[in-house]
Protein backbone atom coordinates (compact mmCIF):
# COMPACT_ATOMS: atom_id res chain seq x y z
CA UNK A 1 37.56 -119.27 52.02
CA UNK A 2 37.29 -116.24 54.61
CA UNK A 3 39.38 -113.52 54.55
CA UNK A 4 39.34 -109.84 55.18
CA UNK A 5 37.30 -107.26 52.99
CA UNK A 6 35.93 -103.98 53.06
CA UNK A 7 32.49 -103.30 53.62
CA UNK A 8 30.62 -99.39 52.75
CA UNK A 9 27.37 -99.15 54.94
CA UNK A 10 25.10 -96.25 55.30
CA UNK A 11 22.69 -96.03 57.63
CA UNK A 12 21.14 -93.63 60.09
CA UNK A 13 20.88 -93.02 64.14
CA UNK A 14 19.84 -90.56 66.33
CA UNK A 15 23.10 -89.92 68.31
CA UNK A 16 22.91 -87.96 71.55
CA UNK A 17 25.31 -84.59 71.58
CA UNK A 18 26.22 -82.97 75.07
CA UNK A 19 24.00 -80.24 72.95
CA UNK A 20 20.80 -82.22 73.18
CA UNK A 21 21.37 -83.85 76.34
CA UNK A 22 21.81 -80.14 77.96
CA UNK A 23 18.52 -79.28 76.23
CA UNK A 24 16.40 -82.24 77.69
CA UNK A 25 18.28 -81.53 81.21
CA UNK A 26 16.97 -77.87 81.11
CA UNK A 27 13.49 -78.67 79.56
CA UNK A 28 12.65 -81.08 82.78
CA UNK A 29 14.40 -78.60 85.23
CA UNK A 30 12.21 -76.93 87.57
CA UNK A 31 12.88 -73.23 87.97
CA UNK A 32 15.08 -73.13 90.71
CA UNK A 33 17.56 -75.80 89.01
CA UNK A 34 17.45 -73.84 85.79
CA UNK A 35 18.30 -70.96 87.96
CA UNK A 36 21.27 -72.58 89.70
CA UNK A 37 22.38 -74.25 86.63
CA UNK A 38 22.56 -70.60 85.27
CA UNK A 39 24.37 -69.24 87.68
CA UNK A 40 27.12 -72.03 87.03
CA UNK A 41 27.14 -71.88 83.68
CA UNK A 42 27.69 -67.66 84.39
CA UNK A 43 30.83 -68.53 86.38
CA UNK A 44 32.51 -71.25 83.84
CA UNK A 45 31.77 -69.17 80.83
CA UNK A 46 33.54 -66.14 80.46
CA UNK A 47 31.25 -64.96 77.86
CA UNK A 48 28.01 -65.19 79.38
CA UNK A 49 26.84 -62.14 81.66
CA UNK A 50 23.68 -61.38 83.27
CA UNK A 51 21.64 -58.91 81.08
CA UNK A 52 20.19 -56.53 83.95
CA UNK A 53 18.25 -53.99 82.18
CA UNK A 54 14.09 -53.84 82.08
CA UNK A 55 12.97 -54.25 78.93
CA UNK A 56 11.22 -57.95 78.79
CA UNK A 57 10.03 -59.54 75.76
CA UNK A 58 6.19 -60.44 75.25
CA UNK A 59 6.22 -63.87 76.16
CA UNK A 60 2.47 -63.78 76.05
CA UNK A 61 0.16 -66.57 74.78
CA UNK A 62 -3.10 -64.28 73.09
CA UNK A 63 -6.51 -65.74 73.92
CA UNK A 64 -7.82 -68.44 70.96
CA UNK A 65 -8.98 -66.85 68.41
CA UNK A 66 -7.23 -63.26 68.28
CA UNK A 67 -3.77 -61.99 66.48
CA UNK A 68 -0.45 -61.89 68.28
CA UNK A 69 0.16 -58.45 69.82
CA UNK A 70 3.13 -56.42 67.80
CA UNK A 71 6.11 -55.90 70.02
CA UNK A 72 7.01 -52.65 71.45
CA UNK A 73 8.98 -50.23 68.82
CA UNK A 74 12.33 -49.93 70.23
CA UNK A 75 12.56 -52.65 73.04
CA UNK A 76 15.73 -53.80 71.72
CA UNK A 77 17.45 -50.86 71.83
CA UNK A 78 16.76 -49.55 74.38
CA UNK A 79 19.31 -50.80 76.74
CA UNK A 80 22.36 -48.69 76.79
CA UNK A 81 25.94 -50.38 75.37
CA UNK A 82 24.74 -52.67 73.36
CA UNK A 83 26.88 -52.73 70.52
CA UNK A 84 29.31 -55.78 71.46
CA UNK A 85 25.60 -58.07 71.84
CA UNK A 86 24.24 -60.01 69.39
CA UNK A 87 19.82 -59.59 70.76
CA UNK A 88 17.28 -62.00 69.93
CA UNK A 89 13.91 -61.33 70.47
CA UNK A 90 10.89 -63.61 71.79
CA UNK A 91 10.38 -64.39 68.21
CA UNK A 92 13.79 -65.85 67.54
CA UNK A 93 11.56 -69.38 67.51
CA UNK A 94 8.51 -69.45 66.00
CA UNK A 95 5.73 -70.73 68.52
CA UNK A 96 4.68 -73.21 66.37
CA UNK A 97 8.30 -75.06 66.52
CA UNK A 98 8.58 -75.83 70.29
CA UNK A 99 11.53 -78.09 71.74
CA UNK A 100 10.73 -81.56 71.03
CA UNK A 101 13.87 -83.90 72.35
CA UNK A 102 12.56 -86.52 70.61
CA UNK A 103 12.68 -84.95 67.32
CA UNK A 104 14.84 -82.64 67.14
CA UNK A 105 18.01 -82.05 64.81
CA UNK A 106 20.79 -84.07 67.12
CA UNK A 107 24.42 -83.10 65.01
CA UNK A 108 23.59 -78.66 65.35
CA UNK A 109 26.42 -77.44 67.28
CA UNK A 110 24.52 -74.36 68.32
CA UNK A 111 25.70 -72.18 65.81
CA UNK A 112 28.11 -72.22 61.76
CA UNK A 113 31.38 -73.77 61.78
CA UNK A 114 33.29 -71.61 62.29
CA UNK A 115 31.80 -69.89 65.51
CA UNK A 116 30.35 -66.62 64.69
CA UNK A 117 26.70 -67.65 65.92
CA UNK A 118 23.85 -64.80 64.94
CA UNK A 119 22.16 -64.90 68.32
CA UNK A 120 23.48 -64.46 71.64
CA UNK A 121 20.38 -62.95 74.25
CA UNK A 122 17.44 -64.84 75.67
CA UNK A 123 15.80 -61.98 76.81
CA UNK A 124 14.10 -63.52 80.25
CA UNK A 125 13.54 -62.40 83.58
CA UNK A 126 15.68 -61.59 86.77
CA UNK A 127 16.83 -65.35 88.35
CA UNK A 128 16.70 -65.16 92.15
CA UNK A 129 20.61 -65.38 92.32
CA UNK A 130 23.22 -62.70 92.28
CA UNK A 131 24.97 -61.87 88.81
CA UNK A 132 27.45 -63.84 87.39
CA UNK A 133 31.06 -63.63 86.87
CA UNK A 134 32.16 -60.66 84.28
CA UNK A 135 34.19 -60.60 81.69
CA UNK A 136 36.25 -57.26 82.05
CA UNK A 137 36.69 -58.14 85.87
CA UNK A 138 34.50 -55.20 86.88
CA UNK A 139 33.81 -54.93 90.23
CA UNK A 140 31.07 -57.04 91.70
CA UNK A 141 27.87 -55.61 91.56
CA UNK A 142 26.10 -58.02 93.91
CA UNK A 143 23.95 -56.93 97.45
CA UNK A 144 24.90 -57.77 100.79
CA UNK A 145 21.98 -60.32 100.14
CA UNK A 146 24.86 -62.36 97.88
CA UNK A 147 26.90 -62.81 101.26
CA UNK A 148 24.31 -63.58 103.30
CA UNK A 149 25.52 -66.64 105.78
CA UNK A 150 24.38 -69.92 104.80
CA UNK A 151 21.36 -71.18 107.02
CA UNK A 152 22.87 -73.42 109.47
CA UNK A 153 21.21 -77.16 109.53
CA UNK A 154 19.40 -78.70 112.49
CA UNK A 155 23.10 -80.14 114.36
CA UNK A 156 24.02 -77.04 114.41
CA UNK A 157 21.79 -75.39 116.14
CA UNK A 158 21.42 -78.15 118.80
CA UNK A 159 25.36 -77.97 119.41
CA UNK A 160 25.24 -74.34 119.40
CA UNK A 161 22.26 -75.05 122.19
CA UNK A 162 24.66 -77.27 124.11
CA UNK A 163 27.52 -74.99 123.76
CA UNK A 164 25.30 -72.41 125.57
CA UNK A 165 23.23 -74.69 127.65
CA UNK A 166 25.81 -76.14 129.70
CA UNK A 167 28.27 -74.90 131.84
CA UNK A 168 29.71 -78.54 133.02
CA UNK A 169 31.82 -79.98 130.54
CA UNK A 170 31.24 -83.32 131.58
CA UNK A 171 27.66 -82.51 131.00
CA UNK A 172 28.82 -80.73 127.24
CA UNK A 173 30.42 -84.53 126.26
CA UNK A 174 27.16 -86.35 127.35
CA UNK A 175 25.01 -84.31 125.28
CA UNK A 176 27.47 -84.26 122.45
CA UNK A 177 26.79 -88.27 122.74
CA UNK A 178 23.23 -87.87 122.94
CA UNK A 179 23.26 -85.72 119.81
CA UNK A 180 25.59 -88.51 118.08
CA UNK A 181 22.74 -90.76 118.24
CA UNK A 182 20.09 -88.62 117.44
CA UNK A 183 17.99 -90.25 115.02
CA UNK A 184 16.61 -88.40 111.84
CA UNK A 185 13.19 -88.13 113.50
CA UNK A 186 14.48 -86.52 116.96
CA UNK A 187 14.02 -89.76 118.99
CA UNK A 188 17.00 -91.24 121.30
CA UNK A 189 16.61 -94.80 119.85
CA UNK A 190 19.83 -95.86 122.17
CA UNK A 191 18.37 -97.08 125.73
CA UNK A 192 19.96 -94.00 128.30
CA UNK A 193 21.52 -97.39 131.45
CA UNK A 194 23.62 -98.13 127.31
CA UNK A 195 25.04 -94.83 127.05
CA UNK A 196 25.46 -94.36 130.90
CA UNK A 197 27.69 -97.40 131.03
CA UNK A 198 29.25 -96.52 128.19
CA UNK A 199 30.64 -93.26 129.31
CA UNK A 200 30.24 -93.98 133.18
CA UNK A 201 28.47 -91.61 134.76
CA UNK A 202 25.28 -92.58 136.81
CA UNK A 203 22.06 -92.90 134.86
CA UNK A 204 20.30 -90.32 136.94
CA UNK A 205 22.99 -87.20 135.04
CA UNK A 206 22.29 -88.82 131.99
CA UNK A 207 18.37 -88.31 132.25
CA UNK A 208 18.58 -84.70 133.70
CA UNK A 209 21.49 -84.05 130.58
CA UNK A 210 18.16 -85.29 128.63
CA UNK A 211 15.46 -83.84 130.29
CA UNK A 212 17.37 -80.42 129.82
CA UNK A 213 17.86 -81.17 126.08
CA UNK A 214 14.41 -81.89 125.17
CA UNK A 215 13.36 -78.51 126.06
CA UNK A 216 15.96 -76.98 123.00
CA UNK A 217 14.50 -76.01 119.79
CA UNK A 218 12.69 -77.75 118.22
CA UNK A 219 11.06 -78.91 121.29
CA UNK A 220 10.74 -82.39 121.84
CA UNK A 221 14.07 -83.78 120.01
CA UNK A 222 15.68 -86.47 122.27
CA UNK A 223 12.56 -88.13 123.60
CA UNK A 224 12.45 -92.08 123.50
CA UNK A 225 8.82 -92.59 122.52
CA UNK A 226 6.06 -90.62 120.85
CA UNK A 227 4.31 -89.86 123.74
CA UNK A 228 7.49 -88.45 126.10
CA UNK A 229 7.73 -86.34 122.90
CA UNK A 230 4.21 -85.00 122.75
CA UNK A 231 4.50 -84.61 126.19
CA UNK A 232 7.20 -82.24 126.91
CA UNK A 233 5.61 -79.80 123.97
CA UNK A 234 2.21 -79.84 125.51
CA UNK A 235 4.58 -78.95 128.88
CA UNK A 236 5.90 -76.44 126.80
CA UNK A 237 2.76 -74.82 126.03
CA UNK A 238 1.22 -75.41 130.01
CA UNK A 239 -1.12 -77.91 128.49
CA UNK A 240 0.06 -80.99 130.31
CA UNK A 241 -2.85 -81.54 132.34
CA UNK A 242 -4.14 -85.11 133.96
CA UNK A 243 -6.57 -85.71 131.43
CA UNK A 244 -3.67 -84.76 128.47
CA UNK A 245 -1.31 -87.09 130.14
CA UNK A 246 -4.30 -90.11 130.57
CA UNK A 247 -4.96 -89.65 126.56
CA UNK A 248 -0.81 -89.90 125.80
CA UNK A 249 -0.94 -92.72 128.24
CA UNK A 250 -3.07 -94.55 125.59
CA UNK A 251 -2.46 -93.50 122.22
CA UNK A 252 -3.21 -97.40 121.44
CA UNK A 253 -6.84 -96.80 121.86
CA UNK A 254 -6.56 -93.43 119.67
CA UNK A 255 -5.33 -95.22 116.62
CA UNK A 256 -7.68 -97.30 116.91
CA UNK A 257 -10.29 -94.45 116.79
CA UNK A 258 -11.94 -95.37 120.31
CA UNK A 259 -12.97 -92.35 121.36
CA UNK A 260 -15.73 -94.13 124.03
CA UNK A 261 -13.00 -95.96 125.76
CA UNK A 262 -10.28 -92.64 125.95
CA UNK A 263 -13.15 -90.41 127.20
CA UNK A 264 -13.60 -92.99 129.87
CA UNK A 265 -10.13 -92.67 130.67
CA UNK A 266 -9.83 -89.23 130.80
CA UNK A 267 -12.97 -87.64 132.37
CA UNK A 268 -13.53 -85.88 129.58
CA UNK A 269 -17.22 -85.17 127.42
CA UNK A 270 -17.17 -85.35 123.90
CA UNK A 271 -16.26 -81.55 123.50
CA UNK A 272 -13.44 -81.87 125.84
CA UNK A 273 -11.77 -84.82 123.60
CA UNK A 274 -12.51 -83.03 120.59
CA UNK A 275 -10.39 -79.67 121.66
CA UNK A 276 -7.64 -82.37 123.28
CA UNK A 277 -7.00 -83.90 119.52
CA UNK A 278 -7.20 -80.87 118.02
CA UNK A 279 -4.16 -80.06 120.74
CA UNK A 280 -2.72 -82.99 119.58
CA UNK A 281 -2.69 -82.22 115.74
CA UNK A 282 -0.68 -78.77 116.20
CA UNK A 283 2.49 -80.85 117.62
CA UNK A 284 4.79 -82.14 115.93
CA UNK A 285 4.88 -85.65 116.72
CA UNK A 286 8.99 -86.29 114.37
CA UNK A 287 10.80 -82.34 115.37
CA UNK A 288 13.73 -83.76 114.14
CA UNK A 289 12.76 -84.57 110.47
CA UNK A 290 13.01 -80.68 109.46
CA UNK A 291 16.68 -80.65 107.49
CA UNK A 292 17.64 -77.03 109.18
CA UNK A 293 17.06 -75.24 105.85
CA UNK A 294 13.70 -73.17 104.94
CA UNK A 295 11.26 -74.91 102.70
CA UNK A 296 11.56 -73.68 99.01
CA UNK A 297 8.64 -71.72 97.65
CA UNK A 298 7.03 -72.48 94.97
CA UNK A 299 6.68 -69.87 92.29
CA UNK A 300 4.87 -70.65 89.44
CA UNK A 301 6.50 -71.28 85.96
CA UNK A 302 3.25 -69.70 84.17
CA UNK A 303 0.48 -66.93 84.77
CA UNK A 304 -2.83 -67.19 83.69
CA UNK A 305 -5.63 -64.18 84.26
CA UNK A 306 -8.91 -63.78 82.92
CA UNK A 307 -9.01 -61.26 79.74
CA UNK A 308 -11.74 -58.94 79.75
CA UNK A 309 -13.57 -60.01 76.97
CA UNK A 310 -14.06 -63.56 78.85
CA UNK A 311 -11.01 -65.21 77.23
CA UNK A 312 -7.67 -66.72 79.06
CA UNK A 313 -4.50 -64.71 78.66
CA UNK A 314 -1.01 -67.00 79.31
CA UNK A 315 2.30 -65.51 80.28
CA UNK A 316 5.42 -66.88 81.02
CA UNK A 317 6.77 -65.64 84.90
CA UNK A 318 9.57 -63.14 84.51
CA UNK A 319 10.58 -63.98 87.81
CA UNK A 320 11.23 -67.29 86.57
CA UNK A 321 13.34 -66.89 83.53
CA UNK A 322 17.05 -66.01 83.50
CA UNK A 323 17.85 -62.99 81.16
CA UNK A 324 21.61 -63.61 79.63
CA UNK A 325 24.40 -61.78 77.00
CA UNK A 326 26.38 -63.20 75.15
CA UNK A 327 30.10 -60.84 74.64
CA UNK A 328 30.30 -61.09 71.05
CA UNK A 329 32.64 -58.23 71.47
CA UNK A 330 35.12 -59.86 73.86
CA UNK A 331 35.22 -63.06 71.80
CA UNK A 332 35.69 -60.81 68.61
CA UNK A 333 38.69 -58.83 70.26
CA UNK A 334 40.34 -62.13 71.15
CA UNK A 335 39.82 -64.06 68.34
CA UNK A 336 41.15 -61.07 66.38
CA UNK A 337 44.47 -61.29 68.17
CA UNK A 338 46.12 -63.74 65.52
CA UNK A 339 49.10 -63.69 66.71
CA UNK A 340 49.24 -62.98 70.30
CA UNK A 341 46.85 -65.89 71.50
CA UNK A 342 47.85 -69.14 71.14
CA UNK A 343 46.06 -72.05 69.39
CA UNK A 344 44.60 -73.43 72.91
CA UNK A 345 43.61 -69.92 73.97
CA UNK A 346 41.68 -69.44 70.46
CA UNK A 347 39.94 -73.13 70.53
CA UNK A 348 38.69 -72.43 74.19
CA UNK A 349 37.42 -69.10 73.38
CA UNK A 350 35.44 -70.76 70.85
CA UNK A 351 33.80 -73.68 72.79
CA UNK A 352 33.19 -71.63 74.97
CA UNK A 353 31.26 -69.13 72.44
CA UNK A 354 29.48 -72.61 71.60
CA UNK A 355 28.18 -73.41 74.60
CA UNK A 356 26.95 -70.17 75.53
CA UNK A 357 24.77 -69.55 72.30
CA UNK A 358 23.72 -73.34 73.09
CA UNK A 359 22.51 -72.58 76.07
CA UNK A 360 20.89 -69.44 74.93
CA UNK A 361 18.81 -71.39 72.62
CA UNK A 362 17.71 -74.28 74.68
CA UNK A 363 16.62 -71.87 77.33
CA UNK A 364 14.58 -70.17 74.37
CA UNK A 365 13.38 -73.09 73.08
CA UNK A 366 12.33 -74.25 76.80
CA UNK A 367 10.38 -71.36 77.34
CA UNK A 368 8.39 -71.69 73.73
CA UNK A 369 7.37 -75.54 74.51
CA UNK A 370 6.41 -74.57 78.34
CA UNK A 371 4.22 -71.85 76.90
CA UNK A 372 2.71 -73.90 73.64
CA UNK A 373 2.10 -76.74 76.15
CA UNK A 374 0.29 -74.65 79.07
CA UNK A 375 -2.09 -73.07 76.43
CA UNK A 376 -3.14 -76.51 75.48
CA UNK A 377 -3.57 -78.09 78.94
CA UNK A 378 -5.56 -74.27 79.57
CA UNK A 379 -7.59 -74.93 76.50
CA UNK A 380 -8.82 -78.70 77.62
CA UNK A 381 -9.38 -77.42 81.22
CA UNK A 382 -11.19 -74.39 80.15
CA UNK A 383 -14.29 -75.80 82.93
CA UNK A 384 -12.22 -76.50 85.89
CA UNK A 385 -11.05 -72.93 85.04
CA UNK A 386 -14.38 -71.57 85.28
CA UNK A 387 -16.29 -73.97 87.55
CA UNK A 388 -14.36 -76.13 89.75
CA UNK A 389 -13.14 -79.48 89.68
CA UNK A 390 -16.28 -81.53 89.82
CA UNK A 391 -15.35 -79.98 86.24
CA UNK A 392 -12.01 -81.18 85.84
CA UNK A 393 -11.73 -83.43 82.74
CA UNK A 394 -10.17 -86.34 82.12
CA UNK A 395 -7.01 -86.00 80.62
CA UNK A 396 -3.69 -87.85 79.66
CA UNK A 397 -0.05 -86.93 78.03
CA UNK A 398 -0.77 -88.57 74.91
CA UNK A 399 -4.07 -86.14 74.52
CA UNK A 400 -1.75 -82.96 75.06
CA UNK A 401 0.95 -84.27 72.72
CA UNK A 402 -1.52 -85.13 69.81
CA UNK A 403 -2.52 -81.81 69.82
CA UNK A 404 0.44 -79.93 70.18
CA UNK A 405 2.56 -82.50 68.16
CA UNK A 406 5.16 -83.09 70.22
CA UNK A 407 6.01 -86.57 71.41
CA UNK A 408 5.00 -87.83 75.00
CA UNK A 409 7.99 -87.48 76.80
CA UNK A 410 8.48 -84.06 75.77
CA UNK A 411 5.11 -83.30 77.34
CA UNK A 412 5.77 -85.24 80.66
CA UNK A 413 9.18 -83.34 80.85
CA UNK A 414 7.22 -80.13 80.46
CA UNK A 415 4.92 -80.94 83.34
CA UNK A 416 8.04 -81.91 85.38
CA UNK A 417 8.18 -79.69 87.99
CA UNK A 418 6.46 -77.07 86.27
CA UNK A 419 3.57 -74.71 88.22
CA UNK A 420 0.88 -72.39 86.49
CA UNK A 421 -0.62 -69.67 88.55
CA UNK A 422 -4.67 -69.41 87.79
CA UNK A 423 -7.54 -67.67 89.71
CA UNK A 424 -8.24 -70.83 91.26
CA UNK A 425 -4.38 -70.82 93.14
CA UNK A 426 -1.16 -72.45 91.91
CA UNK A 427 -1.41 -76.24 90.85
CA UNK A 428 1.91 -78.12 89.41
CA UNK A 429 1.18 -79.18 85.00
CA UNK A 430 0.90 -82.77 86.41
CA UNK A 431 -2.46 -82.06 88.50
CA UNK A 432 -4.56 -81.40 84.93
CA UNK A 433 -3.24 -85.03 84.16
CA UNK A 434 -6.17 -87.52 85.46
CA UNK A 435 -7.25 -90.59 84.58
CA UNK A 436 -11.06 -91.56 83.22
CA UNK A 437 -13.99 -92.98 84.91
CA UNK A 438 -16.64 -93.93 82.58
CA UNK A 439 -19.98 -92.95 82.42
CA UNK A 440 -23.05 -95.31 83.41
CA UNK A 441 -24.92 -94.08 80.80
CA UNK A 442 -22.50 -94.16 78.02
CA UNK A 443 -22.07 -90.03 77.99
CA UNK A 444 -18.63 -88.35 78.43
CA UNK A 445 -16.21 -89.76 81.71
CA UNK A 446 -15.12 -88.24 84.67
CA UNK A 447 -12.27 -87.12 85.82
CA UNK A 448 -10.32 -89.27 88.98
CA UNK A 449 -9.69 -86.14 90.78
CA UNK A 450 -13.07 -84.62 90.49
CA UNK A 451 -14.50 -88.41 91.43
CA UNK A 452 -12.28 -88.10 95.40
CA UNK A 453 -14.14 -84.69 95.63
CA UNK A 454 -17.12 -85.74 95.28
CA UNK A 455 -16.67 -88.53 97.93
CA UNK A 456 -15.20 -85.91 100.13
CA UNK A 457 -18.12 -83.55 99.69
CA UNK A 458 -20.44 -86.49 100.93
CA UNK A 459 -18.51 -87.86 103.55
CA UNK A 460 -18.00 -84.63 104.74
CA UNK A 461 -22.28 -84.00 104.34
CA UNK A 462 -23.31 -86.82 106.26
CA UNK A 463 -25.38 -86.96 109.11
CA UNK A 464 -24.17 -88.99 111.86
CA UNK A 465 -27.57 -90.84 112.07
CA UNK A 466 -26.42 -91.95 108.24
CA UNK A 467 -23.19 -92.52 108.02
CA UNK A 468 -22.42 -93.66 104.46
CA UNK A 469 -20.86 -96.97 103.36
CA UNK A 470 -18.81 -97.91 100.04
CA UNK A 471 -21.80 -99.34 98.56
CA UNK A 472 -24.02 -96.29 99.72
CA UNK A 473 -21.62 -94.80 97.89
CA UNK A 474 -20.80 -96.48 94.97
CA UNK A 475 -25.38 -96.14 94.63
CA UNK A 476 -24.94 -92.32 94.77
CA UNK A 477 -22.43 -91.75 92.23
CA UNK A 478 -23.82 -94.24 89.97
CA UNK A 479 -27.36 -91.92 90.19
CA UNK A 480 -25.27 -89.33 89.18
CA UNK A 481 -24.03 -91.27 86.08
CA UNK A 482 -20.51 -92.23 87.57
CA UNK A 483 -19.57 -96.16 86.18
CA UNK A 484 -17.42 -97.08 89.41
CA UNK A 485 -16.52 -100.36 91.38
CA UNK A 486 -16.96 -100.36 95.33
CA UNK A 487 -13.12 -101.41 95.02
CA UNK A 488 -12.31 -98.09 93.47
CA UNK A 489 -14.56 -95.87 96.34
CA UNK A 490 -12.46 -97.38 99.00
CA UNK A 491 -9.16 -96.72 97.31
CA UNK A 492 -10.05 -93.15 96.74
CA UNK A 493 -11.45 -93.35 100.28
CA UNK A 494 -8.11 -94.35 101.67
CA UNK A 495 -5.95 -91.56 99.49
CA UNK A 496 -8.46 -89.36 101.08
CA UNK A 497 -7.50 -90.43 104.78
CA UNK A 498 -11.06 -91.02 105.25
CA UNK A 499 -11.82 -93.11 108.00
CA UNK A 500 -14.06 -96.61 107.18
CA UNK A 501 -17.60 -96.14 107.63
CA UNK A 502 -17.54 -97.99 110.59
CA UNK A 503 -14.79 -95.94 112.29
CA UNK A 504 -16.74 -93.11 111.82
CA UNK A 505 -20.09 -94.16 112.56
CA UNK A 506 -18.02 -95.14 116.55
CA UNK A 507 -16.68 -91.88 116.48
CA UNK A 508 -19.80 -89.41 115.58
CA UNK A 509 -21.81 -92.19 118.37
CA UNK A 510 -19.10 -91.51 121.01
CA UNK A 511 -19.34 -87.28 120.54
CA UNK A 512 -23.47 -87.28 120.35
CA UNK A 513 -23.09 -89.71 123.40
């Protein structure tokens, strides 16, 4: 007989709390995204403040086999007026227990149940954003750069040039219509005849306005074709001679890399056609592709330098680590006013206190995890750092995850959008992970990136009378102990934008003849 009944069951499940989701999100953020996120939190949370003091922690990873350096005495007490703040040193979280989002405790609210946690600061360097809102509503301490106007977009710059470049209101109307029809690449997709018919003006006037607009900055906008776009840029540089115009009229031959036919049509020799092609490469085929904003510079998250004894020293870049304080004095004063503070206000302050402390903890764990994963990557790729790309070892996420005892997804988040400054330049951490190419004699496998570098070197050094085919490259690599297939060589060659052996032979024959 069916009927209702009560059953008591016990189960375990991983609950993704908002705090855990925030920690995972911060782990995969780039330094710019973390700085923007912290700036938003500073505006929303009155208990968070940016610490402007200069006592940075020692977040440097010692060389393998060396004991960690002792922190300088008195650094935590050097900052003035810190009685109302809780300070967290760089060893708040042990280095052997970094953030692993897949094994972290999901129910940690970021502090004890009574809302009085024992930590409150992540001792990190200043971010490139101005200070956040102050709990005491003091004067704004931002400099003049904090009030700088936003960079205008490309369309805003073109609209301003239209207002300054045309005195006739009718011409301005035509220019505004052309701007509205502009494609993202900077080309004008609509036919001028159709625009003239729609506006009820002669086609000659449309073309006159369009010709003037093609001289706007950036030069080459509002062109109808690639040849016209390049021609305007060359004319601006006073380089549009008859030979160059003939080259622009036969771009399809350039796409087929038929240099011999191009030299005949342009009436130039091999040296001249080389100079003309170099001139074309300096032009912008899509001047409208820019967004109007300055490119975001790459700021390394980790700094690597050589120690005097030949080992490597790692440290987190202070410029990418936001430095925060939690104002426990303000929260204590608010919560102490039992009679004048309502229940809703006390709940608000308690929630903001827990949110601030969890953010501090998440930033601290993020720093420790990045440092630990990067240290293992440096240990695995020591040959590349000392001798170059040919010594780059095959490496996958599983290798690093097993070495540092983290989940693969955590290592993937750590290495996403993170950069390291090395003596050989700045590299994204993902660069060090490459697939393995087997060795022909059963020895140690080779990195795919090292093989691509070797192919580029071999093709760059080939003489004009002995062009290397894909089969010849395969034979040369196998003689060096690399077991590789011809289709793999062809794939790597195409990824490096290296033409086929037939095209290279034709080009060098044309230049030599």
